[in-house]
Amino acid sequence: MNDPPLRLDSLDVFRGLTVAAMILVSTPGTWSAVYTPLEHADWNGWTPTDLVFPFFLFAMGAAVPFAMTRRRGSSSSTAAPAGRWSAVRRHVVRRAVILFALGLVLNAIETAPPIDPATFRIMGVLQRIAVVYLAVAWLTERTSRRTQAALAVGSLAGYWAALTLIPVPQGVTLPGLVDRAVFGRHVLARWGDPEGLLSTIPSIATALAGVFAGEWLKEPRRAHRSASLWAAGVATTLVGLAWDRVFPINKNLWTSSFAMFTAGLAAQVLALCHWMLDARPARRWRAWSAPLAAFGRNALAAYFLSVGLDALLTRWTVESGATLKSAIYRAAFASWIAPCCGAEAASLAYAIAYVVLWTIVLMEMRRRRMFIGI
């Protein structure tokens, strides 16, 4: 009998693709000139950029079964007894606390000085990842797969009911009211926070969908794993699109239709990566995957360091009074690309160059086997 693998190359590549996309859309040369697909949808609807964060949560969820197996030294996918959970609980809580703290550090770096303690943002991307990871790790270790599926479906249905049945004042959303009640002025926008408290509930369902995908791919005895995961992804995407007719796809609110739609697309992309990298006996299509695998093996370091450096470049002024980032952007990209191809092309070229820079750094880290984890 074959033992389940402790990690999948396809999952590293899928996570790396997501992190590279995160960096690309987060660091344009200038925010005043960005192609529409590289911006978030204003409210309802979606763009490719809106897929990045749910894809990352899906990848995190898919990695949990492998990570927990390595941590507890067991291939069992059933709920762990109390003693076994105690053995991994400290690691899980410690990791979540560090992720949340790193998110606060990023908020501080990205906030223009002086930082006002009365309005300093509490939530953020890493903070949501921390909360979702803590919830998913606990559910994976302490509940059955059937219970997890019921909770995922129930949370999406309950969130839909709450947002459509609970009355709120005109121009206000229920998640925004909760954010204001809990965090006060410590939110990103006047309406609330896109990584706020109530909308974290359906994002946990997104990560649980990743857990189900990871468990499916972890079992080597299952035939046609890639094809079946892809088919399940198609079905989930169609459910999300159908749900969109009565509960619009909305990334800011992380609506249930958005959670289903993005989880389905993520499952399809992961299934394709699995078919190309882990399911094909010849494994001929691997050269392209090395840079993405480098991002995937150092996902946290890649995101934190790249976004942090971009924020520092944006704050660092040069003799002319401009920021260092704008000086680099104008001299190296806008001066010759914008006249012939437009400001959006120049801004995108800067973002691509920035991703290439981090690709070189992460490839060297991978070559030296330097993997930064928590």
Protein backbone atom coordinates (compact mmCIF):
# COMPACT_ATOMS: atom_id res chain seq x y z
CA MET A 1 0.00 0.00 0.00
CA ASN A 2 1.38 3.43 -0.96
CA ASP A 3 1.70 6.05 1.76
CA PRO A 4 0.19 9.47 1.06
CA PRO A 5 2.75 12.05 -0.11
CA LEU A 6 3.96 14.61 2.43
CA ARG A 7 3.82 17.41 -0.15
CA LEU A 8 2.78 17.91 -3.76
CA ASP A 9 4.83 19.78 -6.34
CA SER A 10 1.59 20.96 -7.92
CA LEU A 11 0.44 22.56 -4.68
CA ASP A 12 3.74 24.43 -4.32
CA VAL A 13 3.40 25.67 -7.90
CA PHE A 14 -0.26 26.65 -7.44
CA ARG A 15 0.58 28.56 -4.27
CA GLY A 16 3.58 30.16 -5.99
CA LEU A 17 1.44 31.26 -8.93
CA THR A 18 -0.94 32.90 -6.48
CA VAL A 19 1.80 34.70 -4.55
CA ALA A 20 3.46 35.94 -7.76
CA ALA A 21 0.07 37.26 -8.89
CA MET A 22 -0.39 38.92 -5.48
CA ILE A 23 2.87 40.78 -5.90
CA LEU A 24 2.08 41.73 -9.51
CA VAL A 25 -1.27 43.34 -8.71
CA SER A 26 -0.04 44.94 -5.45
CA THR A 27 2.99 46.78 -6.86
CA PRO A 28 2.22 48.66 -10.09
CA GLY A 29 4.55 51.43 -11.16
CA THR A 30 1.81 53.94 -10.37
CA TRP A 31 -1.72 53.45 -9.10
CA SER A 32 -2.91 56.23 -11.41
CA ALA A 33 -2.38 54.01 -14.47
CA VAL A 34 -3.47 50.38 -14.04
CA TYR A 35 -5.22 48.10 -16.54
CA THR A 36 -8.76 47.26 -15.41
CA PRO A 37 -8.12 43.48 -15.02
CA LEU A 38 -5.31 44.32 -12.59
CA GLU A 39 -7.64 46.29 -10.32
CA HIS A 40 -10.35 45.03 -7.98
CA ALA A 41 -13.95 45.38 -9.06
CA ASP A 42 -15.47 48.55 -7.62
CA TRP A 43 -18.22 46.57 -5.89
CA ASN A 44 -20.29 43.76 -7.45
CA GLY A 45 -18.65 41.60 -10.12
CA TRP A 46 -15.10 40.43 -10.37
CA THR A 47 -11.77 40.87 -12.14
CA PRO A 48 -8.78 38.47 -12.29
CA THR A 49 -7.30 40.45 -9.40
CA ASP A 50 -10.26 39.49 -7.21
CA LEU A 51 -9.29 35.83 -7.61
CA VAL A 52 -5.86 36.18 -6.03
CA PHE A 53 -6.74 36.26 -2.32
CA PRO A 54 -9.34 33.45 -2.40
CA PHE A 55 -6.90 31.35 -4.43
CA PHE A 56 -4.32 31.85 -1.69
CA LEU A 57 -6.79 30.84 1.04
CA PHE A 58 -7.75 27.81 -1.04
CA ALA A 59 -4.06 26.87 -1.39
CA MET A 60 -3.54 27.32 2.35
CA GLY A 61 -6.47 25.02 3.03
CA ALA A 62 -5.19 22.43 0.54
CA ALA A 63 -1.82 22.42 2.32
CA VAL A 64 -3.31 21.85 5.78
CA PRO A 65 -3.83 18.06 5.43
CA PHE A 66 -0.21 17.63 4.32
CA ALA A 67 1.14 19.97 7.00
CA MET A 68 -0.85 18.29 9.76
CA THR A 69 0.26 14.86 8.60
CA ARG A 70 3.89 15.94 8.83
CA ARG A 71 3.29 17.61 12.19
CA ARG A 72 1.56 14.70 13.89
CA GLY A 73 3.52 11.98 12.09
CA SER A 74 0.37 10.17 10.97
CA SER A 75 -1.34 9.67 7.62
CA SER A 76 -4.80 9.53 9.16
CA SER A 77 -7.29 12.01 7.72
CA THR A 78 -9.86 11.47 10.45
CA ALA A 79 -10.39 13.78 13.39
CA ALA A 80 -7.54 13.62 15.86
CA PRO A 81 -8.09 12.63 19.50
CA ALA A 82 -7.55 15.24 22.18
CA GLY A 83 -4.01 14.08 22.94
CA ARG A 84 -2.91 14.34 19.34
CA TRP A 85 -4.51 17.77 18.93
CA SER A 86 -2.66 18.95 22.03
CA ALA A 87 0.58 17.98 20.34
CA VAL A 88 -0.01 20.34 17.40
CA ARG A 89 -2.12 23.02 19.07
CA ARG A 90 0.81 25.07 20.30
CA HIS A 91 2.32 25.19 16.80
CA VAL A 92 -0.99 26.21 15.23
CA VAL A 93 -1.71 28.98 17.74
CA ARG A 94 1.88 30.24 17.60
CA ARG A 95 1.76 30.38 13.80
CA ALA A 96 -1.55 32.23 13.78
CA VAL A 97 -0.33 34.79 16.33
CA ILE A 98 2.86 35.45 14.35
CA LEU A 99 0.90 35.82 11.09
CA PHE A 100 -1.46 38.31 12.73
CA ALA A 101 1.46 40.27 14.18
CA LEU A 102 3.24 40.36 10.80
CA GLY A 103 0.04 41.72 9.30
CA LEU A 104 0.03 44.54 11.82
CA VAL A 105 3.66 45.27 10.96
CA LEU A 106 2.74 45.49 7.27
CA ASN A 107 -0.13 47.83 8.12
CA ALA A 108 2.33 50.05 9.98
CA ILE A 109 4.81 50.02 7.09
CA GLU A 110 2.11 50.86 4.55
CA THR A 111 0.54 53.64 6.63
CA ALA A 112 1.76 57.12 5.79
CA PRO A 113 3.43 58.72 8.81
CA PRO A 114 2.56 59.85 11.34
CA ILE A 115 0.61 56.76 12.42
CA ASP A 116 -2.57 57.70 14.26
CA PRO A 117 -3.35 55.13 16.98
CA ALA A 118 -7.01 56.19 16.87
CA THR A 119 -7.45 55.04 13.25
CA PHE A 120 -4.68 52.46 12.76
CA ARG A 121 -6.10 49.54 10.79
CA ILE A 122 -6.32 46.24 12.70
CA MET A 123 -7.33 43.72 10.04
CA GLY A 124 -5.58 42.96 6.74
CA VAL A 125 -4.56 40.15 4.41
CA LEU A 126 -2.19 38.36 6.81
CA GLN A 127 -4.59 38.91 9.71
CA ARG A 128 -7.40 37.19 7.83
CA ILE A 129 -5.05 34.38 6.83
CA ALA A 130 -4.16 33.94 10.52
CA VAL A 131 -7.79 33.73 11.65
CA VAL A 132 -8.78 31.39 8.80
CA TYR A 133 -5.75 29.16 9.39
CA LEU A 134 -6.55 28.85 13.08
CA ALA A 135 -10.16 27.92 12.37
CA VAL A 136 -9.34 25.47 9.58
CA ALA A 137 -6.54 23.77 11.52
CA TRP A 138 -8.84 23.25 14.51
CA LEU A 139 -11.67 21.94 12.35
CA THR A 140 -9.33 19.61 10.45
CA GLU A 141 -7.94 18.07 13.62
CA ARG A 142 -11.04 18.00 15.84
CA THR A 143 -13.98 17.34 13.51
CA SER A 144 -14.89 14.86 10.81
CA ARG A 145 -14.92 15.66 7.13
CA ARG A 146 -18.71 15.42 7.13
CA THR A 147 -18.92 18.00 9.92
CA GLN A 148 -16.55 20.30 8.06
CA ALA A 149 -18.65 20.05 4.89
CA ALA A 150 -21.81 20.79 6.85
CA LEU A 151 -20.18 23.81 8.50
CA ALA A 152 -18.94 25.12 5.14
CA VAL A 153 -22.38 24.84 3.53
CA GLY A 154 -24.13 26.15 6.64
CA SER A 155 -21.84 29.16 6.94
CA LEU A 156 -22.40 30.15 3.30
CA ALA A 157 -26.15 29.71 3.56
CA GLY A 158 -26.27 31.54 6.90
CA TYR A 159 -24.16 34.42 5.58
CA TRP A 160 -26.50 34.74 2.59
CA ALA A 161 -29.52 34.78 4.88
CA ALA A 162 -27.94 37.33 7.22
CA LEU A 163 -27.01 39.78 4.47
CA THR A 164 -30.33 39.52 2.67
CA LEU A 165 -32.79 39.30 5.59
CA ILE A 166 -31.31 41.51 8.32
CA PRO A 167 -32.33 45.14 7.62
CA VAL A 168 -29.61 47.80 7.63
CA PRO A 169 -29.71 51.54 6.89
CA GLN A 170 -29.50 52.72 3.29
CA GLY A 171 -25.93 52.70 1.98
CA VAL A 172 -24.66 50.51 4.81
CA THR A 173 -23.75 46.82 4.83
CA LEU A 174 -24.10 44.33 7.66
CA PRO A 175 -20.37 43.41 7.60
CA GLY A 176 -19.58 47.13 7.73
CA LEU A 177 -21.83 47.59 10.77
CA VAL A 178 -20.11 44.69 12.53
CA ASP A 179 -16.66 46.06 11.67
CA ARG A 180 -17.57 49.50 12.97
CA ALA A 181 -19.07 48.02 16.14
CA VAL A 182 -16.00 45.87 16.85
CA PHE A 183 -13.12 47.93 15.48
CA GLY A 184 -14.53 51.45 15.58
CA ARG A 185 -12.41 53.66 13.31
CA HIS A 186 -9.71 50.98 12.93
CA VAL A 187 -10.94 49.92 9.47
CA LEU A 188 -9.76 50.49 5.91
CA ALA A 189 -12.80 52.19 4.40
CA ARG A 190 -15.81 54.20 5.57
CA TRP A 191 -18.16 51.30 4.85
CA GLY A 192 -16.02 48.81 6.81
CA ASP A 193 -13.07 46.55 6.02
CA PRO A 194 -12.66 44.15 3.07
CA GLU A 195 -10.84 41.80 5.47
CA GLY A 196 -13.32 42.45 8.27
CA LEU A 197 -14.77 40.18 10.90
CA LEU A 198 -18.12 38.97 9.59
CA SER A 199 -16.86 38.41 6.03
CA THR A 200 -14.14 36.15 7.43
CA ILE A 201 -16.81 33.48 8.01
CA PRO A 202 -17.38 32.70 4.31
CA SER A 203 -13.61 32.95 3.70
CA ILE A 204 -13.20 30.03 6.13
CA ALA A 205 -15.49 28.08 3.79
CA THR A 206 -13.14 28.99 0.92
CA ALA A 207 -10.21 27.49 2.83
CA LEU A 208 -12.26 24.42 3.78
CA ALA A 209 -12.89 23.83 0.08
CA GLY A 210 -9.11 23.78 -0.26
CA VAL A 211 -8.91 21.24 2.58
CA PHE A 212 -11.30 18.95 0.73
CA ALA A 213 -9.20 19.30 -2.44
CA GLY A 214 -5.99 18.59 -0.53
CA GLU A 215 -7.46 15.48 1.10
CA TRP A 216 -8.63 14.24 -2.28
CA LEU A 217 -5.22 14.71 -3.90
CA LYS A 218 -3.38 13.29 -0.87
CA GLU A 219 -4.84 9.83 -1.32
CA PRO A 220 -2.77 8.03 -4.03
CA ARG A 221 -5.23 5.14 -4.32
CA ARG A 222 -7.90 7.36 -5.85
CA ALA A 223 -7.97 7.08 -9.64
CA HIS A 224 -8.29 10.10 -11.92
CA ARG A 225 -7.78 12.55 -9.05
CA SER A 226 -6.98 15.48 -11.35
CA ALA A 227 -10.01 14.96 -13.59
CA SER A 228 -12.45 14.49 -10.71
CA LEU A 229 -11.14 17.57 -8.90
CA TRP A 230 -11.44 19.60 -12.10
CA ALA A 231 -15.02 18.40 -12.61
CA ALA A 232 -15.90 19.28 -9.01
CA GLY A 233 -14.38 22.71 -9.60
CA VAL A 234 -16.51 23.26 -12.69
CA ALA A 235 -19.66 22.31 -10.78
CA THR A 236 -18.76 24.63 -7.89
CA THR A 237 -18.06 27.51 -10.28
CA LEU A 238 -21.46 27.03 -11.93
CA VAL A 239 -23.17 27.06 -8.53
CA GLY A 240 -21.40 30.33 -7.74
CA LEU A 241 -22.50 31.86 -11.03
CA ALA A 242 -26.09 30.75 -10.48
CA TRP A 243 -26.02 32.13 -6.92
CA ASP A 244 -24.72 35.42 -8.32
CA ARG A 245 -28.17 36.08 -9.79
CA VAL A 246 -29.70 36.49 -6.32
CA PHE A 247 -26.61 37.20 -4.18
CA PRO A 248 -24.06 39.09 -6.32
CA ILE A 249 -20.41 38.10 -6.48
CA ASN A 250 -18.64 40.66 -4.31
CA LYS A 251 -15.07 40.39 -3.08
CA ASN A 252 -15.30 43.19 -0.49
CA LEU A 253 -18.18 41.42 1.25
CA TRP A 254 -16.85 37.93 0.35
CA THR A 255 -20.38 36.91 -0.57
CA SER A 256 -21.31 33.24 -0.64
CA SER A 257 -21.52 33.31 -4.44
CA PHE A 258 -17.99 34.79 -4.52
CA ALA A 259 -16.73 32.04 -2.20
CA MET A 260 -18.24 29.29 -4.36
CA PHE A 261 -17.20 30.84 -7.67
CA THR A 262 -13.58 31.42 -6.68
CA ALA A 263 -13.21 28.06 -4.92
CA GLY A 264 -14.41 26.35 -8.07
CA LEU A 265 -11.94 28.21 -10.26
CA ALA A 266 -9.14 27.50 -7.78
CA ALA A 267 -9.96 23.79 -7.83
CA GLN A 268 -9.76 23.76 -11.62
CA VAL A 269 -6.36 25.48 -11.68
CA LEU A 270 -5.00 23.19 -8.94
CA ALA A 271 -6.31 20.14 -10.81
CA LEU A 272 -4.53 21.29 -13.97
CA CYS A 273 -1.28 21.81 -12.03
CA HIS A 274 -1.67 18.35 -10.47
CA TRP A 275 -2.23 16.73 -13.85
CA MET A 276 0.86 18.39 -15.34
CA LEU A 277 3.22 17.92 -12.39
CA ASP A 278 2.10 15.04 -10.18
CA ALA A 279 -0.21 12.84 -12.24
CA ARG A 280 1.73 12.52 -15.50
CA PRO A 281 4.11 9.52 -15.39
CA ALA A 282 6.59 11.13 -17.78
CA ARG A 283 6.55 14.46 -15.93
CA ARG A 284 7.85 16.27 -19.00
CA TRP A 285 6.41 19.71 -18.28
CA ARG A 286 8.48 20.74 -15.30
CA ALA A 287 10.97 23.41 -16.45
CA TRP A 288 8.33 26.17 -16.38
CA SER A 289 7.34 25.34 -12.82
CA ALA A 290 10.65 25.99 -11.03
CA PRO A 291 10.19 29.77 -10.54
CA LEU A 292 6.63 29.29 -9.31
CA ALA A 293 7.72 26.51 -6.97
CA ALA A 294 10.30 28.91 -5.53
CA PHE A 295 7.50 31.36 -4.72
CA GLY A 296 5.39 28.54 -3.29
CA ARG A 297 8.09 27.21 -0.96
CA ASN A 298 8.70 30.70 0.49
CA ALA A 299 5.21 32.13 0.13
CA LEU A 300 5.12 34.12 3.37
CA ALA A 301 8.60 35.57 2.90
CA ALA A 302 7.85 36.48 -0.72
CA TYR A 303 4.64 38.32 0.15
CA PHE A 304 5.83 40.06 3.31
CA LEU A 305 9.22 41.17 1.99
CA SER A 306 7.97 42.27 -1.44
CA VAL A 307 5.05 44.29 -0.12
CA GLY A 308 7.18 45.70 2.69
CA LEU A 309 9.93 46.78 0.31
CA ASP A 310 7.41 48.38 -2.04
CA ALA A 311 5.98 50.36 0.88
CA LEU A 312 9.46 51.52 1.90
CA LEU A 313 10.29 52.58 -1.67
CA THR A 314 7.03 54.53 -1.71
CA ARG A 315 7.95 56.35 1.53
CA TRP A 316 11.66 56.99 0.75
CA THR A 317 12.14 60.40 -0.83
CA VAL A 318 15.09 61.49 -2.96
CA GLU A 319 16.66 64.94 -3.47
CA SER A 320 14.02 66.02 -5.98
CA GLY A 321 11.32 65.44 -3.39
CA ALA A 322 9.84 62.51 -5.31
CA THR A 323 9.69 59.03 -3.80
CA LEU A 324 12.39 56.56 -4.70
CA LYS A 325 9.82 54.29 -6.34
CA SER A 326 8.45 57.05 -8.56
CA ALA A 327 12.00 58.09 -9.53
CA ILE A 328 12.89 54.52 -10.53
CA TYR A 329 9.58 54.11 -12.33
CA ARG A 330 9.93 57.30 -14.37
CA ALA A 331 13.58 56.76 -15.28
CA ALA A 332 13.51 53.04 -16.06
CA PHE A 333 9.99 52.54 -17.42
CA ALA A 334 7.69 55.53 -17.94
CA SER A 335 10.28 57.62 -19.81
CA TRP A 336 10.34 55.29 -22.82
CA ILE A 337 7.37 52.91 -22.51
CA ALA A 338 4.64 55.46 -21.81
CA PRO A 339 5.22 57.56 -24.98
CA CYS A 340 4.85 54.58 -27.28
CA CYS A 341 2.56 52.19 -25.39
CA GLY A 342 0.76 54.20 -22.72
CA ALA A 343 1.09 54.78 -18.99
CA GLU A 344 -0.72 51.53 -18.14
CA ALA A 345 1.87 49.51 -20.08
CA ALA A 346 4.72 51.30 -18.28
CA SER A 347 3.07 50.67 -14.91
CA LEU A 348 2.62 46.99 -15.73
CA ALA A 349 6.22 46.72 -16.96
CA TYR A 350 7.43 47.98 -13.57
CA ALA A 351 5.27 45.41 -11.77
CA ILE A 352 6.57 42.60 -14.00
CA ALA A 353 10.15 43.69 -13.40
CA TYR A 354 9.47 43.72 -9.66
CA VAL A 355 8.13 40.15 -9.82
CA VAL A 356 11.19 39.09 -11.85
CA LEU A 357 13.45 40.63 -9.21
CA TRP A 358 11.80 38.56 -6.49
CA THR A 359 11.88 35.50 -8.72
CA ILE A 360 15.67 35.78 -8.85
CA VAL A 361 15.86 36.21 -5.07
CA LEU A 362 13.54 33.29 -4.35
CA MET A 363 15.21 31.00 -6.89
CA GLU A 364 18.53 31.64 -5.18
CA MET A 365 16.95 30.97 -1.80
CA ARG A 366 15.55 27.71 -3.16
CA ARG A 367 18.93 26.76 -4.60
CA ARG A 368 20.49 27.33 -1.18
CA ARG A 369 17.56 25.50 0.45
CA MET A 370 16.63 28.57 2.50
CA PHE A 371 12.97 28.14 3.38
CA ILE A 372 11.51 30.66 5.81
CA GLY A 373 8.54 29.35 7.75
CA ILE A 374 6.82 29.95 11.06
